[in-house]
Amino acid sequence: MKAVKNQTSKSTSPTDMQAEIDRLSKLVEKKNSIIGEKEAKIEKLLNELLYLRRAIFGRSSERYVKEDPNQLSLDFQGLDKLPEEELAEKAQEVQTITYERKKQKEDTEKPVRQPLPEHLERREEIIEPDSIPQGSKCIGQQVTEILEYTPGEFHVRRIVRKKYALPAGQGIIIAELPSLPLPKSNAGASLLAYLLVSKYMDHLPFHRQIEIFKRIGIHLAASTVNGWFSSAVDLLELLYEELRRQVMASHYIQIDETSIPVVDKDKPGATKKGYHWIVRSPQENKLFFHYDQGSRAQRVAIDILRDFKGAVQSDGYGAYNIYENKQDVLLLGCWAHARRKFEQALQNDPARAAYALEQIQQLYLLEREAENANLTPEQTSELRKQKAYPILTAFEKWLDTTYPQVLPKSQMGQAIAYTYNIYPRLVRYVLDGRYKIDNNGAENGIRPLALGRKNYLFCGNHQAARHTAIIYSLLGTCKLNNVNPMEWLTDVFNKIQDCKNTQLHTLLPAEWAANRQKK
């Protein structure tokens, strides 16, 4: 029988045990870090999923069923000129603008204007010279045909000007042709108005309108319609500049931006994101769109607001932050944007989001109370100080105590951070009863553009995008003043060629409507 050896296990030293513990601790720490990252990513993805579900299947409505206000004052002790504005001015001083002259077409043949269809009704206007000397004899006539449009039908405006031979061979007289919007074309004022209103208010692109015209026997080339459009907008540009001047002269404006696809000349067949900026004067009921090469950079805001003095209401876009330090400028926030953040967090953190939405709802109920009672701005300001300010003060404390309790990257964390960071702007609307609680007026002004881009899809170049800004400015102001855009634009096209620059203001929608009521 073999002897069995007893093997004794080798004892582990304390040093080795500590090394193993340290190794395992580091491994656990690494695993916990990985788990934390994955949990944060899962939280982020869940938030995105909730947001997308809400966007696709949820309701579209966002409405949810610190000191004594008397000590608040406008801070006019800021900088007279911002450093960013000085840099922008210096950049403009050295900027050189060059224009490339278009090459002449090699084909020297002039385009032939097609005659207007014979089946269209002709409405003649016979114009005689102002004075016809006795003994003059009519020797013929000169006919100019202009295509016009009235709702539901086209007709041809037939302008007949009689020509008279003066006695004793003294020459020929003929009446002057009435002022036409586009003297070298046969597009009448009403047709131009119809084309623009149909595209920019009824959202019918020109190619669809051309197909509609074909069905009633009117054949217009796309190049012809586009040429009419460009020339018509050129006529309206001075009127647009007058509108812009009046908006920026007001004491309180709202500003926002929206994207629009613009064809990228460097990538054939592709588009790039451009931006229109909208500026609205709530008290004046006027607005304008601004387009600067499609940029959303801070320099565009600086250019727009360079000489403005008063209150500027916007969302939390960082481009406006510099105006906290601008003399004579007061930044106001938008409660609709803050409410939207909490509404998006409703499924992520129902209890906290519901509380926040209830507080914001109370603020909006006070605004509705003031509106329904037709309170004056002074009375509205007093109502806000008495009832809204305590809500605002308590809500600020809730934001301050709640933020450390939520994940910063969660939807609730982002909603609280957004609101708390711009809270001074959000409460300033209580300073003046003329200020609005939100920036929805500017957002509503953007809606026609948002609907339009879904139909005509994009702008062909920067010039087309700027033309779009001009048209939306004027038609948007018509809408704010309940002015029939078709009637207004037709009358403007008939008058603008003869209107002096000093009288352009009489053609803007509000004043135009007031003058018509006086007649």
Protein backbone atom coordinates (compact mmCIF):
# COMPACT_ATOMS: atom_id res chain seq x y z
CA MET A 1 0.00 0.00 0.00
CA LYS A 2 1.33 3.35 -1.06
CA ALA A 3 1.63 5.95 1.52
CA VAL A 4 -0.61 8.90 1.03
CA LYS A 5 1.02 12.28 1.32
CA ASN A 6 -0.87 14.99 3.11
CA GLN A 7 -0.69 18.19 1.07
CA THR A 8 -1.22 21.36 3.00
CA SER A 9 -2.60 24.40 1.12
CA LYS A 10 -0.35 27.38 0.86
CA SER A 11 -1.58 30.18 3.06
CA THR A 12 -2.39 33.56 1.39
CA SER A 13 -0.57 36.56 2.73
CA PRO A 14 -2.44 39.76 3.79
CA THR A 15 -0.64 41.70 1.03
CA ASP A 16 -1.96 39.38 -1.66
CA MET A 17 -5.48 39.55 -0.22
CA GLN A 18 -5.43 43.36 -0.26
CA ALA A 19 -4.21 43.40 -3.87
CA GLU A 20 -7.04 41.10 -4.86
CA ILE A 21 -9.56 43.30 -3.04
CA ASP A 22 -8.21 46.37 -4.80
CA ARG A 23 -8.42 44.63 -8.17
CA LEU A 24 -12.00 43.56 -7.56
CA SER A 25 -12.93 47.03 -6.31
CA LYS A 26 -11.58 48.62 -9.48
CA LEU A 27 -13.45 46.07 -11.56
CA VAL A 28 -16.70 46.82 -9.69
CA GLU A 29 -16.10 50.55 -10.09
CA LYS A 30 -15.53 50.13 -13.82
CA LYS A 31 -18.65 48.00 -14.17
CA ASN A 32 -20.70 50.55 -12.22
CA SER A 33 -19.40 53.30 -14.49
CA ILE A 34 -20.42 51.32 -17.57
CA ILE A 35 -23.83 50.61 -16.05
CA GLY A 36 -24.26 54.31 -15.22
CA GLU A 37 -23.43 55.33 -18.78
CA LYS A 38 -25.83 52.76 -20.17
CA GLU A 39 -28.58 53.86 -17.80
CA ALA A 40 -28.06 57.47 -18.83
CA LYS A 41 -28.20 56.43 -22.49
CA ILE A 42 -31.34 54.39 -21.87
CA GLU A 43 -32.89 57.39 -20.08
CA LYS A 44 -31.99 59.61 -23.03
CA LEU A 45 -33.42 57.15 -25.57
CA LEU A 46 -36.60 56.71 -23.52
CA ASN A 47 -37.02 60.49 -23.38
CA GLU A 48 -36.55 60.70 -27.14
CA LEU A 49 -39.03 57.87 -27.65
CA LEU A 50 -41.60 59.59 -25.42
CA TYR A 51 -41.07 62.86 -27.30
CA LEU A 52 -41.47 61.20 -30.71
CA ARG A 53 -44.59 59.32 -29.60
CA ARG A 54 -45.97 62.57 -28.29
CA ALA A 55 -45.13 64.36 -31.51
CA ILE A 56 -46.73 61.68 -33.71
CA PHE A 57 -49.67 60.47 -31.67
CA GLY A 58 -50.18 63.06 -28.95
CA ARG A 59 -52.33 66.16 -28.88
CA SER A 60 -50.86 69.22 -30.57
CA SER A 61 -52.10 71.72 -28.00
CA GLU A 62 -49.65 72.76 -25.30
CA ARG A 63 -52.29 74.27 -23.05
CA TYR A 64 -52.58 72.48 -19.70
CA VAL A 65 -56.64 71.54 -18.67
CA LYS A 66 -38.20 87.56 -6.01
CA GLU A 67 -38.84 91.11 -5.08
CA ASP A 68 -41.75 93.48 -4.84
CA PRO A 69 -42.90 94.12 -8.42
CA ASN A 70 -43.05 97.85 -7.73
CA GLN A 71 -39.28 97.78 -7.36
CA LEU A 72 -38.80 96.27 -10.81
CA SER A 73 -37.46 98.83 -13.24
CA LEU A 74 -35.96 98.97 -16.69
CA ASP A 75 -32.19 98.81 -16.59
CA PHE A 76 -30.98 101.53 -18.90
CA GLN A 77 -27.47 101.60 -17.43
CA GLY A 78 -25.96 99.11 -19.87
CA LEU A 79 -23.43 99.63 -22.63
CA ASP A 80 -24.20 102.22 -25.29
CA LYS A 81 -22.69 99.97 -27.95
CA LEU A 82 -21.95 96.27 -27.58
CA PRO A 83 -18.48 94.92 -28.48
CA GLU A 84 -20.16 92.57 -30.95
CA GLU A 85 -21.80 95.54 -32.68
CA GLU A 86 -18.47 97.36 -32.98
CA LEU A 87 -16.91 94.26 -34.59
CA ALA A 88 -19.84 93.98 -37.00
CA GLU A 89 -19.48 97.65 -37.99
CA LYS A 90 -15.74 97.27 -38.61
CA ALA A 91 -16.38 94.19 -40.72
CA GLN A 92 -18.90 96.11 -42.81
CA GLU A 93 -16.42 98.98 -43.36
CA VAL A 94 -13.91 96.71 -45.07
CA GLN A 95 -16.47 94.57 -46.84
CA THR A 96 -16.31 94.90 -50.61
CA ILE A 97 -19.38 93.98 -52.59
CA THR A 98 -18.90 92.97 -56.22
CA TYR A 99 -21.53 92.33 -58.81
CA GLU A 100 -21.09 90.09 -61.80
CA ARG A 101 -22.75 91.44 -64.91
CA LYS A 102 -24.90 88.87 -66.64
CA LYS A 103 -23.59 87.71 -69.98
CA GLN A 104 -25.65 88.70 -72.98
CA LYS A 105 -27.36 85.86 -74.76
CA GLU A 106 -25.59 84.81 -77.93
CA ASP A 107 -28.92 84.57 -79.70
CA THR A 108 -29.78 88.12 -80.72
CA GLU A 109 -33.38 87.31 -81.55
CA LYS A 110 -35.84 89.10 -79.29
CA PRO A 111 -38.55 86.93 -77.68
CA VAL A 112 -41.91 87.24 -79.40
CA ARG A 113 -44.85 87.98 -77.12
CA GLN A 114 -47.66 85.52 -77.75
CA PRO A 115 -51.07 87.07 -78.43
CA LEU A 116 -53.66 86.64 -75.70
CA PRO A 117 -56.31 83.97 -76.41
CA GLU A 118 -59.16 85.18 -78.63
CA HIS A 119 -61.86 83.41 -76.61
CA LEU A 120 -61.32 85.61 -73.55
CA GLU A 121 -63.74 88.44 -72.92
CA ARG A 122 -62.47 91.85 -73.98
CA ARG A 123 -63.39 94.85 -71.83
CA GLU A 124 -62.48 97.96 -73.77
CA GLU A 125 -61.38 101.25 -72.33
CA ILE A 126 -61.38 104.02 -74.94
CA ILE A 127 -59.10 106.89 -74.01
CA GLU A 128 -59.29 110.15 -75.88
CA PRO A 129 -56.60 112.84 -75.80
CA ASP A 130 -57.21 115.57 -73.23
CA SER A 131 -57.98 118.15 -75.89
CA ILE A 132 -58.67 117.62 -79.59
CA PRO A 133 -58.25 120.74 -81.73
CA GLN A 134 -61.18 121.46 -84.01
CA GLY A 135 -60.74 119.93 -87.44
CA SER A 136 -58.67 116.93 -86.22
CA LYS A 137 -59.39 113.64 -87.99
CA CYS A 138 -59.15 110.16 -86.42
CA ILE A 139 -56.67 108.14 -88.47
CA GLY A 140 -56.49 104.97 -86.40
CA GLN A 141 -55.89 103.62 -82.95
CA GLN A 142 -53.24 101.92 -80.87
CA VAL A 143 -54.33 98.91 -78.85
CA THR A 144 -52.64 97.55 -75.72
CA GLU A 145 -53.96 94.28 -74.29
CA ILE A 146 -53.42 93.42 -70.61
CA LEU A 147 -54.38 90.07 -69.08
CA GLU A 148 -56.42 90.65 -65.91
CA TYR A 149 -58.06 88.39 -63.37
CA THR A 150 -61.18 88.69 -61.25
CA PRO A 151 -62.15 85.94 -58.79
CA GLY A 152 -63.24 82.95 -60.83
CA GLU A 153 -62.51 84.35 -64.28
CA PHE A 154 -59.96 85.98 -66.52
CA HIS A 155 -60.63 88.81 -68.90
CA VAL A 156 -58.58 91.01 -71.17
CA ARG A 157 -58.39 94.69 -70.37
CA ARG A 158 -58.40 96.24 -73.82
CA ILE A 159 -57.06 99.79 -73.73
CA VAL A 160 -57.89 101.64 -76.94
CA ARG A 161 -56.21 105.01 -77.49
CA LYS A 162 -57.48 106.99 -80.43
CA LYS A 163 -54.94 108.76 -82.59
CA TYR A 164 -55.75 112.06 -84.24
CA ALA A 165 -54.02 113.85 -87.07
CA LEU A 166 -53.85 117.55 -86.35
CA PRO A 167 -55.07 119.97 -89.00
CA ALA A 168 -52.67 121.47 -91.44
CA GLY A 169 -50.22 118.63 -90.94
CA GLN A 170 -49.22 119.74 -87.46
CA GLY A 171 -48.66 116.16 -86.26
CA ILE A 172 -50.52 113.42 -84.38
CA ILE A 173 -51.90 113.35 -80.85
CA ILE A 174 -52.75 110.33 -78.71
CA ALA A 175 -53.61 109.92 -75.02
CA GLU A 176 -50.93 108.67 -72.67
CA LEU A 177 -51.08 105.03 -71.63
CA PRO A 178 -52.31 104.66 -68.03
CA SER A 179 -49.64 103.73 -65.49
CA LEU A 180 -49.13 99.96 -65.52
CA PRO A 181 -47.31 97.93 -62.86
CA LEU A 182 -45.03 96.27 -65.41
CA PRO A 183 -45.05 98.53 -68.51
CA LYS A 184 -43.13 96.07 -70.70
CA SER A 185 -45.40 93.10 -70.02
CA ASN A 186 -49.06 92.23 -70.51
CA ALA A 187 -49.60 91.23 -66.87
CA GLY A 188 -52.18 93.40 -65.15
CA ALA A 189 -52.27 94.42 -61.50
CA SER A 190 -55.02 91.97 -60.59
CA LEU A 191 -53.21 89.06 -62.24
CA LEU A 192 -49.98 89.83 -60.40
CA ALA A 193 -51.91 90.08 -57.14
CA TYR A 194 -53.63 86.76 -57.84
CA LEU A 195 -50.32 84.99 -58.55
CA LEU A 196 -48.71 86.24 -55.34
CA VAL A 197 -51.70 85.68 -53.06
CA SER A 198 -52.26 82.20 -54.49
CA LYS A 199 -48.66 81.19 -53.84
CA TYR A 200 -47.96 82.87 -50.52
CA MET A 201 -51.36 82.71 -48.83
CA ASP A 202 -53.09 79.80 -50.57
CA HIS A 203 -49.79 77.91 -50.93
CA LEU A 204 -50.14 77.10 -54.64
CA PRO A 205 -46.70 77.01 -56.31
CA PHE A 206 -46.43 78.76 -59.66
CA HIS A 207 -46.16 75.48 -61.60
CA ARG A 208 -49.56 74.40 -60.23
CA GLN A 209 -51.10 77.74 -61.11
CA ILE A 210 -49.71 77.45 -64.63
CA GLU A 211 -51.40 74.05 -65.00
CA ILE A 212 -54.68 75.57 -63.78
CA PHE A 213 -54.38 78.33 -66.39
CA LYS A 214 -53.80 75.73 -69.12
CA ARG A 215 -57.14 74.09 -68.38
CA ILE A 216 -58.93 77.30 -69.33
CA GLY A 217 -56.84 77.88 -72.44
CA ILE A 218 -54.23 80.32 -71.10
CA HIS A 219 -50.69 79.13 -71.73
CA LEU A 220 -48.00 80.89 -69.73
CA ALA A 221 -44.35 79.89 -69.71
CA ALA A 222 -42.77 79.31 -66.29
CA SER A 223 -40.00 81.75 -67.19
CA THR A 224 -42.62 84.41 -67.95
CA VAL A 225 -44.39 83.96 -64.60
CA ASN A 226 -41.09 83.96 -62.72
CA GLY A 227 -40.08 87.13 -64.53
CA TRP A 228 -43.37 88.80 -63.55
CA PHE A 229 -42.81 87.71 -59.96
CA SER A 230 -39.30 89.16 -59.74
CA SER A 231 -40.37 92.45 -61.28
CA ALA A 232 -43.44 92.69 -59.05
CA VAL A 233 -41.36 92.12 -55.90
CA ASP A 234 -38.89 94.77 -57.04
CA LEU A 235 -41.84 97.18 -57.15
CA LEU A 236 -42.75 96.30 -53.57
CA GLU A 237 -39.25 96.53 -52.11
CA LEU A 238 -39.47 100.22 -51.13
CA LEU A 239 -42.83 99.54 -49.50
CA TYR A 240 -41.23 96.67 -47.57
CA GLU A 241 -38.44 98.97 -46.36
CA GLU A 242 -41.04 101.48 -45.15
CA LEU A 243 -42.86 98.71 -43.28
CA ARG A 244 -39.60 97.58 -41.71
CA ARG A 245 -38.76 101.12 -40.61
CA GLN A 246 -42.13 101.49 -38.89
CA VAL A 247 -41.83 98.17 -37.04
CA MET A 248 -38.35 99.00 -35.74
CA ALA A 249 -39.56 102.44 -34.61
CA SER A 250 -41.99 100.87 -32.13
CA HIS A 251 -41.14 100.48 -28.43
CA TYR A 252 -41.81 96.73 -28.19
CA ILE A 253 -41.10 93.95 -30.68
CA GLN A 254 -41.18 90.17 -30.77
CA ILE A 255 -38.54 88.24 -32.72
CA ASP A 256 -38.19 84.63 -33.84
CA GLU A 257 -36.52 82.57 -36.55
CA THR A 258 -37.67 79.74 -38.80
CA SER A 259 -35.87 77.57 -41.33
CA ILE A 260 -36.41 77.41 -45.07
CA PRO A 261 -34.61 75.09 -47.53
CA VAL A 262 -32.53 76.94 -50.14
CA VAL A 263 -30.93 75.28 -53.17
CA ASP A 264 -27.22 74.77 -52.60
CA LYS A 265 -25.41 76.05 -55.69
CA ASP A 266 -22.28 74.11 -54.69
CA LYS A 267 -24.16 70.79 -54.55
CA PRO A 268 -26.50 70.37 -57.53
CA GLY A 269 -29.80 68.79 -56.50
CA ALA A 270 -29.24 69.45 -52.79
CA THR A 271 -30.61 72.08 -50.45
CA LYS A 272 -29.22 73.69 -47.32
CA LYS A 273 -31.04 75.10 -44.34
CA GLY A 274 -31.58 78.83 -44.47
CA TYR A 275 -33.32 81.02 -41.90
CA HIS A 276 -35.91 83.75 -42.05
CA TRP A 277 -36.10 86.08 -39.05
CA ILE A 278 -39.48 87.56 -38.19
CA VAL A 279 -39.92 90.80 -36.25
CA ARG A 280 -43.42 91.77 -35.11
CA SER A 281 -44.77 94.88 -33.41
CA PRO A 282 -47.80 93.76 -31.35
CA GLN A 283 -49.06 97.29 -30.73
CA GLU A 284 -48.66 98.42 -34.34
CA ASN A 285 -50.04 95.18 -35.83
CA LYS A 286 -47.16 95.04 -38.29
CA LEU A 287 -44.41 92.55 -39.01
CA PHE A 288 -41.56 91.92 -41.40
CA PHE A 289 -39.35 89.01 -42.37
CA HIS A 290 -35.59 89.42 -42.69
CA TYR A 291 -33.34 87.19 -44.78
CA ASP A 292 -29.54 87.43 -44.68
CA GLN A 293 -27.99 84.71 -46.82
CA GLY A 294 -29.93 82.17 -44.74
CA SER A 295 -27.84 82.72 -41.62
CA ARG A 296 -29.01 82.21 -38.04
CA ALA A 297 -25.79 83.60 -36.60
CA GLN A 298 -25.70 86.23 -33.87
CA ARG A 299 -24.46 88.81 -36.38
CA VAL A 300 -27.93 88.81 -38.00
CA ALA A 301 -29.58 89.68 -34.68
CA ILE A 302 -27.01 92.44 -34.22
CA ASP A 303 -27.82 93.83 -37.66
CA ILE A 304 -31.57 93.76 -37.06
CA LEU A 305 -31.47 95.27 -33.56
CA ARG A 306 -28.59 97.68 -34.06
CA ASP A 307 -30.56 100.90 -33.52
CA PHE A 308 -33.56 99.51 -31.66
CA LYS A 309 -34.54 100.91 -28.27
CA GLY A 310 -37.22 99.22 -26.20
CA ALA A 311 -38.35 95.73 -25.23
CA VAL A 312 -37.38 92.66 -27.27
CA GLN A 313 -39.28 89.41 -26.65
CA SER A 314 -37.79 86.13 -27.79
CA ASP A 315 -37.28 82.50 -26.87
CA GLY A 316 -34.13 81.33 -25.10
CA TYR A 317 -31.89 81.39 -28.19
CA GLY A 318 -28.40 82.41 -27.04
CA ALA A 319 -27.93 84.98 -29.82
CA TYR A 320 -29.96 87.49 -27.80
CA ASN A 321 -28.05 87.09 -24.53
CA ILE A 322 -25.73 90.00 -25.28
CA TYR A 323 -28.68 92.40 -25.07
CA GLU A 324 -28.84 91.93 -21.32
CA ASN A 325 -25.94 94.41 -21.36
CA LYS A 326 -27.31 96.76 -24.04
CA GLN A 327 -28.36 100.22 -22.98
CA ASP A 328 -32.04 101.04 -23.64
CA VAL A 329 -32.90 97.40 -24.48
CA LEU A 330 -35.00 95.15 -22.22
CA LEU A 331 -35.14 91.41 -22.92
CA LEU A 332 -38.43 89.60 -22.35
CA GLY A 333 -38.88 85.83 -22.26
CA CYS A 334 -41.59 83.59 -23.67
CA TRP A 335 -43.70 81.49 -21.32
CA ALA A 336 -45.02 79.42 -24.21
CA HIS A 337 -41.54 78.02 -24.83
CA ALA A 338 -41.06 77.24 -21.14
CA ARG A 339 -44.48 75.58 -20.98
CA ARG A 340 -43.56 73.49 -24.02
CA LYS A 341 -40.52 72.09 -22.20
CA PHE A 342 -42.61 70.94 -19.22
CA GLU A 343 -45.32 69.59 -21.50
CA GLN A 344 -42.69 67.41 -23.20
CA ALA A 345 -41.56 66.16 -19.77
CA LEU A 346 -45.08 65.21 -18.69
CA GLN A 347 -44.62 61.48 -19.31
CA ASN A 348 -41.05 61.47 -18.05
CA ASP A 349 -41.87 63.03 -14.65
CA PRO A 350 -45.67 63.40 -14.36
CA ALA A 351 -45.88 64.83 -10.85
CA ARG A 352 -43.33 67.60 -11.24
CA ALA A 353 -44.36 68.43 -14.82
CA ALA A 354 -48.02 68.64 -13.81
CA TYR A 355 -47.18 71.03 -10.97
CA ALA A 356 -45.17 73.29 -13.28
CA LEU A 357 -47.91 73.28 -15.92
CA GLU A 358 -50.54 74.13 -13.31
CA GLN A 359 -48.54 77.19 -12.21
CA ILE A 360 -48.06 78.36 -15.79
CA GLN A 361 -51.75 77.77 -16.45
CA GLN A 362 -52.59 80.12 -13.59
CA LEU A 363 -50.52 82.84 -15.26
CA TYR A 364 -52.35 82.35 -18.54
CA LEU A 365 -55.75 82.39 -16.82
CA LEU A 366 -54.90 85.83 -15.46
CA GLU A 367 -54.04 87.00 -18.98
CA ARG A 368 -57.37 85.69 -20.23
CA GLU A 369 -59.14 87.45 -17.37
CA ALA A 370 -57.54 90.76 -18.36
CA GLU A 371 -58.40 90.23 -22.03
CA ASN A 372 -62.03 89.28 -21.37
CA ALA A 373 -62.46 92.31 -19.11
CA ASN A 374 -60.89 94.61 -21.74
CA LEU A 375 -58.51 96.01 -19.15
CA THR A 376 -56.26 98.92 -20.06
CA PRO A 377 -52.49 98.34 -20.05
CA GLU A 378 -52.28 100.10 -16.69
CA GLN A 379 -55.01 97.90 -15.20
CA THR A 380 -53.41 94.78 -16.67
CA SER A 381 -50.07 95.71 -15.13
CA GLU A 382 -51.70 96.18 -11.74
CA LEU A 383 -53.51 92.83 -11.99
CA ARG A 384 -50.24 91.09 -12.79
CA LYS A 385 -48.42 92.68 -9.86
CA GLN A 386 -51.15 91.67 -7.44
CA LYS A 387 -51.86 88.13 -8.66
CA ALA A 388 -49.21 86.94 -11.10
CA TYR A 389 -46.13 88.10 -9.22
CA PRO A 390 -46.73 85.90 -6.13
CA ILE A 391 -47.08 82.88 -8.44
CA LEU A 392 -43.86 83.80 -10.20
CA THR A 393 -41.98 84.20 -6.92
CA ALA A 394 -43.15 80.83 -5.56
CA PHE A 395 -42.43 79.10 -8.87
CA GLU A 396 -38.86 80.40 -8.89
CA LYS A 397 -38.28 78.90 -5.43
CA TRP A 398 -39.70 75.58 -6.62
CA LEU A 399 -37.31 75.58 -9.61
CA ASP A 400 -34.38 76.31 -7.32
CA THR A 401 -35.16 73.46 -4.88
CA THR A 402 -36.27 70.90 -7.48
CA TYR A 403 -33.41 71.11 -9.96
CA PRO A 404 -30.87 69.24 -7.73
CA GLN A 405 -33.40 66.40 -7.36
CA VAL A 406 -33.63 65.53 -11.07
CA LEU A 407 -31.20 64.19 -13.65
CA PRO A 408 -29.77 67.17 -15.59
CA LYS A 409 -30.09 65.38 -18.93
CA SER A 410 -33.64 64.19 -18.34
CA GLN A 411 -36.48 66.08 -19.97
CA MET A 412 -37.53 67.45 -16.59
CA GLY A 413 -33.95 68.51 -15.85
CA GLN A 414 -33.72 70.26 -19.21
CA ALA A 415 -37.10 71.95 -18.71
CA ILE A 416 -36.11 73.30 -15.29
CA ALA A 417 -32.67 74.41 -16.51
CA TYR A 418 -34.14 76.22 -19.52
CA THR A 419 -36.74 78.02 -17.42
CA TYR A 420 -34.44 78.90 -14.53
CA ASN A 421 -31.66 80.24 -16.76
CA ILE A 422 -33.96 82.81 -18.41
CA TYR A 423 -36.27 83.40 -15.44
CA PRO A 424 -35.46 87.12 -15.12
CA ARG A 425 -36.68 87.58 -18.71
CA LEU A 426 -39.79 85.49 -18.09
CA VAL A 427 -41.02 87.64 -15.20
CA ARG A 428 -40.43 91.02 -16.86
CA TYR A 429 -43.72 90.97 -18.73
CA VAL A 430 -45.37 92.16 -15.48
CA LEU A 431 -43.56 95.50 -15.86
CA ASP A 432 -45.87 96.86 -18.53
CA GLY A 433 -49.44 95.91 -19.41
CA ARG A 434 -48.59 96.27 -23.11
CA TYR A 435 -46.11 93.39 -22.97
CA LYS A 436 -47.36 89.91 -23.83
CA ILE A 437 -46.82 86.81 -21.72
CA ASP A 438 -45.33 84.93 -24.66
CA ASN A 439 -43.88 85.24 -28.13
CA ASN A 440 -46.77 83.47 -29.84
CA GLY A 441 -47.54 86.51 -31.98
CA ALA A 442 -44.24 86.09 -33.82
CA GLU A 443 -44.70 82.31 -34.03
CA ASN A 444 -48.17 82.77 -35.54
CA GLY A 445 -46.65 85.08 -38.13
CA ILE A 446 -44.30 82.27 -39.16
CA ARG A 447 -47.07 79.73 -39.80
CA PRO A 448 -47.89 80.82 -43.39
CA LEU A 449 -44.22 80.39 -44.29
CA ALA A 450 -44.17 76.94 -42.66
CA LEU A 451 -47.25 75.91 -44.66
CA GLY A 452 -45.84 77.39 -47.85
CA ARG A 453 -42.52 75.55 -47.71
CA LYS A 454 -44.43 72.25 -47.52
CA ASN A 455 -45.91 73.08 -50.91
CA TYR A 456 -43.21 74.86 -52.88
CA LEU A 457 -40.58 72.89 -50.90
CA PHE A 458 -37.61 75.28 -51.28
CA CYS A 459 -36.30 78.58 -52.60
CA GLY A 460 -34.14 78.45 -55.71
CA ASN A 461 -31.48 80.84 -54.39
CA HIS A 462 -30.83 83.55 -51.81
CA GLN A 463 -32.49 86.20 -53.97
CA ALA A 464 -35.68 84.11 -54.18
CA ALA A 465 -35.61 83.64 -50.40
CA ARG A 466 -35.32 87.41 -49.90
CA HIS A 467 -38.24 87.96 -52.31
CA THR A 468 -40.20 85.50 -50.19
CA ALA A 469 -39.39 87.58 -47.10
CA ILE A 470 -40.74 90.74 -48.77
CA ILE A 471 -44.02 89.13 -49.82
CA TYR A 472 -44.64 87.41 -46.48
CA SER A 473 -43.98 90.69 -44.68
CA LEU A 474 -46.63 92.61 -46.61
CA LEU A 475 -49.23 89.84 -46.77
CA GLY A 476 -48.66 88.98 -43.11
CA THR A 477 -49.34 92.61 -42.18
CA CYS A 478 -52.55 92.43 -44.25
CA LYS A 479 -53.65 89.46 -42.17
CA LEU A 480 -52.90 91.23 -38.89
CA ASN A 481 -55.09 94.16 -39.97
CA ASN A 482 -57.93 92.09 -41.51
CA VAL A 483 -57.23 93.56 -44.95
CA ASN A 484 -58.26 91.63 -48.06
CA PRO A 485 -54.84 90.86 -49.59
CA MET A 486 -56.20 90.53 -53.13
CA GLU A 487 -57.91 93.92 -53.08
CA TRP A 488 -54.98 95.58 -51.36
CA LEU A 489 -52.28 94.19 -53.63
CA THR A 490 -54.26 94.96 -56.80
CA ASP A 491 -54.70 98.57 -55.73
CA VAL A 492 -51.05 98.86 -54.70
CA PHE A 493 -49.83 97.57 -58.07
CA ASN A 494 -52.07 100.09 -59.82
CA LYS A 495 -50.75 103.01 -57.75
CA ILE A 496 -47.18 102.28 -56.73
CA GLN A 497 -45.52 103.37 -59.98
CA ASP A 498 -46.86 106.91 -59.47
CA CYS A 499 -46.49 107.01 -55.67
CA LYS A 500 -43.84 109.32 -54.23
CA ASN A 501 -41.45 107.88 -51.66
CA THR A 502 -42.79 110.27 -49.04
CA GLN A 503 -46.30 108.85 -49.57
CA LEU A 504 -45.43 105.15 -49.49
CA HIS A 505 -46.78 104.86 -45.96
CA THR A 506 -50.29 105.47 -47.32
CA LEU A 507 -50.07 102.16 -49.21
CA LEU A 508 -49.30 100.04 -46.15
CA PRO A 509 -52.29 97.83 -45.25
CA ALA A 510 -53.52 99.58 -42.07
CA GLU A 511 -53.36 103.12 -43.46
CA TRP A 512 -54.68 101.97 -46.84
CA ALA A 513 -57.74 100.41 -45.15
CA ALA A 514 -58.30 103.52 -43.01
CA ASN A 515 -58.21 105.78 -46.09
CA ARG A 516 -60.72 103.57 -47.92
CA GLN A 517 -63.16 103.79 -45.00
CA LYS A 518 -62.99 107.58 -45.13
CA LYS A 519 -64.08 107.65 -48.77
